[in-house]
Amino acid sequence: MIISYKKLWKLLIDMDMMKKDLQKQAGISWATMTKMSKGEIVSTEVLMKVCQVLHCNVGDIVDFIEKPISDAEENKGEQSVLD
């Protein structure tokens, strides 16, 4: 699965808030904001802080998207029954 913060960025636009404002108000590091901008995983504590500032729930700021598994990834680390 991959994580998407598109809902968060849209919410910030709707609230006329910049990322740096959220970062300061939530008390999170700029490195954490960068991780979210890159679609990387952050702690639930960070998500809770963001939700507290924006007065929302986690589902309002993130989506978990099913990532299709390629054949190579699916068989990675597995041995074929015929081997």
Protein backbone atom coordinates (compact mmCIF):
# COMPACT_ATOMS: atom_id res chain seq x y z
CA MET A 1 0.00 0.00 0.00
CA ILE A 2 1.04 3.56 -0.56
CA ILE A 3 -0.05 6.64 1.33
CA SER A 4 -1.46 9.78 -0.24
CA TYR A 5 -1.65 13.15 1.48
CA LYS A 6 -3.60 14.82 -1.36
CA LYS A 7 -6.55 15.36 0.95
CA LEU A 8 -4.28 17.22 3.37
CA TRP A 9 -2.91 19.53 0.69
CA LYS A 10 -6.42 20.26 -0.60
CA LEU A 11 -7.61 20.98 2.94
CA LEU A 12 -4.73 23.41 3.46
CA ILE A 13 -5.70 25.23 0.26
CA ASP A 14 -9.35 25.35 1.32
CA MET A 15 -8.32 26.75 4.71
CA ASP A 16 -5.92 29.23 3.07
CA MET A 17 -3.06 27.80 5.16
CA MET A 18 0.52 27.27 4.05
CA LYS A 19 2.61 24.20 4.86
CA LYS A 20 4.96 26.26 7.02
CA ASP A 21 1.98 27.49 9.06
CA LEU A 22 0.80 23.94 9.65
CA GLN A 23 4.32 22.87 10.56
CA LYS A 24 4.62 25.60 13.20
CA GLN A 25 1.12 25.18 14.65
CA ALA A 26 1.39 21.38 14.83
CA GLY A 27 4.90 21.51 16.28
CA ILE A 28 6.36 19.12 13.73
CA SER A 29 9.74 19.31 12.06
CA TRP A 30 10.35 20.55 8.56
CA ALA A 31 11.84 17.12 7.77
CA THR A 32 8.47 15.56 8.63
CA MET A 33 6.68 18.01 6.33
CA THR A 34 9.13 17.05 3.59
CA LYS A 35 8.36 13.36 4.16
CA MET A 36 4.66 14.03 3.76
CA SER A 37 5.31 16.12 0.64
CA LYS A 38 7.13 13.12 -0.83
CA GLY A 39 4.31 10.73 0.11
CA GLU A 40 6.39 8.95 2.73
CA ILE A 41 5.07 7.38 5.93
CA VAL A 42 5.01 9.46 9.12
CA SER A 43 4.08 8.46 12.65
CA THR A 44 0.51 8.39 13.92
CA GLU A 45 1.60 10.99 16.48
CA VAL A 46 2.35 13.41 13.64
CA LEU A 47 -1.00 12.67 12.00
CA MET A 48 -2.75 13.30 15.32
CA LYS A 49 -1.00 16.67 15.72
CA VAL A 50 -2.02 17.69 12.20
CA CYS A 51 -5.61 16.60 12.81
CA GLN A 52 -5.70 18.52 16.07
CA VAL A 53 -4.63 21.74 14.35
CA LEU A 54 -7.03 21.26 11.43
CA HIS A 55 -9.91 19.96 13.60
CA CYS A 56 -10.38 16.85 11.48
CA ASN A 57 -9.91 13.07 11.47
CA VAL A 58 -7.08 11.08 9.91
CA GLY A 59 -9.34 9.96 7.06
CA ASP A 60 -9.78 13.62 6.14
CA ILE A 61 -6.06 14.06 5.42
CA VAL A 62 -4.72 10.71 4.19
CA ASP A 63 -5.69 7.88 1.86
CA PHE A 64 -4.19 4.43 1.75
CA ILE A 65 -4.02 3.22 -1.84
CA GLU A 66 -3.65 -0.41 -2.82
CA LYS A 67 -0.47 -0.79 -4.84
CA PRO A 68 -0.68 -3.43 -7.57
CA ILE A 69 1.87 -6.18 -7.03
CA SER A 70 4.00 -7.07 -10.03
CA ASP A 71 4.93 -10.70 -10.69
CA ALA A 72 8.54 -9.99 -9.70
CA GLU A 73 7.51 -8.50 -6.34
CA GLU A 74 4.95 -11.22 -5.74
CA ASN A 75 7.54 -13.98 -6.15
CA LYS A 76 10.33 -12.12 -4.37
CA GLY A 77 11.68 -14.24 -1.56
CA GLU A 78 9.50 -17.18 -2.48
CA GLN A 79 10.71 -20.37 -3.98
CA SER A 80 8.73 -21.98 -6.73
CA VAL A 81 7.06 -25.28 -5.92
CA LEU A 82 8.80 -26.81 -8.94
CA ASP A 83 12.33 -25.92 -7.72
